[in-house]
């Protein structure tokens, strides 16, 4: 998405800001963009003002962005790859765990 304070990976959209007010100012613009694009949101999956959230294998909180500890544990416990397809699987998992370049704010 080409809007400040908004990141999208595949069909997941996250809105963030340095303050709650900044977040709240950006949110209606995202809803407007979604409406203009004729996209349909799944209300069951929408979460607004979450203090901590998992977003593409990363935990986003007031402290910043860090790897999901469960994902790290899973990768650490993987057996060493024995062939090229297994190596590709491990490298693909690592790619999902890349750091997200955002600085979110926690909301009450």
Protein backbone atom coordinates (compact mmCIF):
# COMPACT_ATOMS: atom_id res chain seq x y z
CA UNK A 1 0.00 0.00 0.00
CA UNK A 2 1.24 3.43 -0.80
CA UNK A 3 -0.02 5.18 2.30
CA UNK A 4 2.07 6.30 5.25
CA UNK A 5 1.58 4.13 8.31
CA UNK A 6 0.15 1.21 6.36
CA UNK A 7 1.82 -2.07 5.43
CA UNK A 8 0.33 -4.94 3.46
CA UNK A 9 1.66 -8.42 2.86
CA UNK A 10 -0.53 -10.57 0.65
CA UNK A 11 -4.03 -10.00 2.03
CA UNK A 12 -2.99 -8.81 5.49
CA UNK A 13 -3.07 -5.07 6.17
CA UNK A 14 -1.64 -3.37 9.24
CA UNK A 15 -2.15 0.27 10.20
CA UNK A 16 0.26 1.86 12.66
CA UNK A 17 1.44 5.20 13.99
CA UNK A 18 3.71 6.82 16.54
CA UNK A 19 0.68 7.63 18.67
CA UNK A 20 -2.85 6.32 19.05
CA UNK A 21 -4.15 9.56 17.52
CA UNK A 22 -1.91 9.14 14.47
CA UNK A 23 -3.15 5.56 14.06
CA UNK A 24 -6.77 6.70 14.37
CA UNK A 25 -6.29 9.41 11.71
CA UNK A 26 -4.85 6.86 9.25
CA UNK A 27 -7.48 4.15 9.77
CA UNK A 28 -10.39 5.87 7.94
CA UNK A 29 -8.14 6.44 4.93
CA UNK A 30 -7.41 2.72 4.78
CA UNK A 31 -11.12 1.88 5.00
CA UNK A 32 -11.79 4.40 2.22
CA UNK A 33 -9.09 2.86 0.02
CA UNK A 34 -10.53 -0.62 0.65
CA UNK A 35 -14.03 0.59 -0.27
CA UNK A 36 -12.80 2.28 -3.48
CA UNK A 37 -10.97 -0.90 -4.43
CA UNK A 38 -14.16 -2.89 -3.87
CA UNK A 39 -12.32 -5.27 -1.57
CA UNK A 40 -14.30 -7.12 1.06
CA UNK A 41 -12.99 -7.45 4.60
CA UNK A 42 -13.58 -10.55 6.66
CA UNK A 43 -14.95 -9.03 9.86
CA UNK A 44 -14.01 -12.14 11.86
CA UNK A 45 -10.36 -11.53 11.02
CA UNK A 46 -10.33 -7.75 11.59
CA UNK A 47 -8.58 -6.66 14.77
CA UNK A 48 -8.34 -3.01 15.72
CA UNK A 49 -6.15 -1.44 18.41
CA UNK A 50 -4.40 -4.60 19.53
CA UNK A 51 -1.63 -4.01 22.08
CA UNK A 52 0.41 -6.93 20.73
CA UNK A 53 -0.02 -8.91 17.56
CA UNK A 54 1.65 -11.58 15.47
CA UNK A 55 2.14 -10.42 11.87
CA UNK A 56 3.93 -12.69 9.42
CA UNK A 57 5.93 -14.61 11.99
CA UNK A 58 6.86 -11.47 13.91
CA UNK A 59 5.52 -10.13 17.18
CA UNK A 60 4.70 -6.43 17.05
CA UNK A 61 4.41 -4.59 20.34
CA UNK A 62 5.28 -1.36 22.10
CA UNK A 63 8.88 -2.56 22.24
CA UNK A 64 9.04 -2.89 18.45
CA UNK A 65 9.21 -5.88 16.10
CA UNK A 66 10.73 -9.18 17.17
CA UNK A 67 10.64 -12.76 15.88
CA UNK A 68 7.82 -14.97 17.14
CA UNK A 69 9.46 -17.15 19.81
CA UNK A 70 7.38 -20.18 18.76
CA UNK A 71 8.60 -19.81 15.17
CA UNK A 72 12.21 -19.47 16.34
CA UNK A 73 11.83 -22.61 18.47
CA UNK A 74 10.39 -24.53 15.50
CA UNK A 75 13.30 -23.52 13.28
CA UNK A 76 15.87 -24.35 15.97
CA UNK A 77 14.39 -27.83 16.40
CA UNK A 78 14.40 -28.66 12.69
CA UNK A 79 16.75 -31.45 11.71
CA UNK A 80 19.60 -30.42 9.43
CA UNK A 81 18.52 -30.53 5.77
CA UNK A 82 19.78 -33.60 3.93
CA UNK A 83 18.96 -32.57 0.37
CA UNK A 84 18.17 -29.54 -1.79
CA UNK A 85 14.36 -29.63 -1.34
CA UNK A 86 14.77 -29.75 2.45
CA UNK A 87 17.24 -26.86 2.27
CA UNK A 88 14.74 -24.83 0.21
CA UNK A 89 12.10 -25.53 2.86
CA UNK A 90 14.34 -24.18 5.62
CA UNK A 91 15.33 -21.13 3.57
CA UNK A 92 11.66 -20.48 2.79
CA UNK A 93 10.83 -20.54 6.51
CA UNK A 94 13.62 -18.05 7.13
CA UNK A 95 12.21 -15.77 4.42
CA UNK A 96 8.83 -15.67 6.18
CA UNK A 97 10.57 -14.61 9.39
CA UNK A 98 12.14 -11.50 7.87
CA UNK A 99 11.91 -8.35 9.92
CA UNK A 100 8.99 -6.08 9.07
CA UNK A 101 10.17 -2.49 8.47
CA UNK A 102 7.60 -0.71 10.64
CA UNK A 103 7.51 0.98 14.03
CA UNK A 104 4.01 0.38 15.41
CA UNK A 105 2.45 1.95 18.46
CA UNK A 106 0.49 0.18 21.12
CA UNK A 107 -3.13 1.14 21.59
CA UNK A 108 -5.02 0.87 24.86
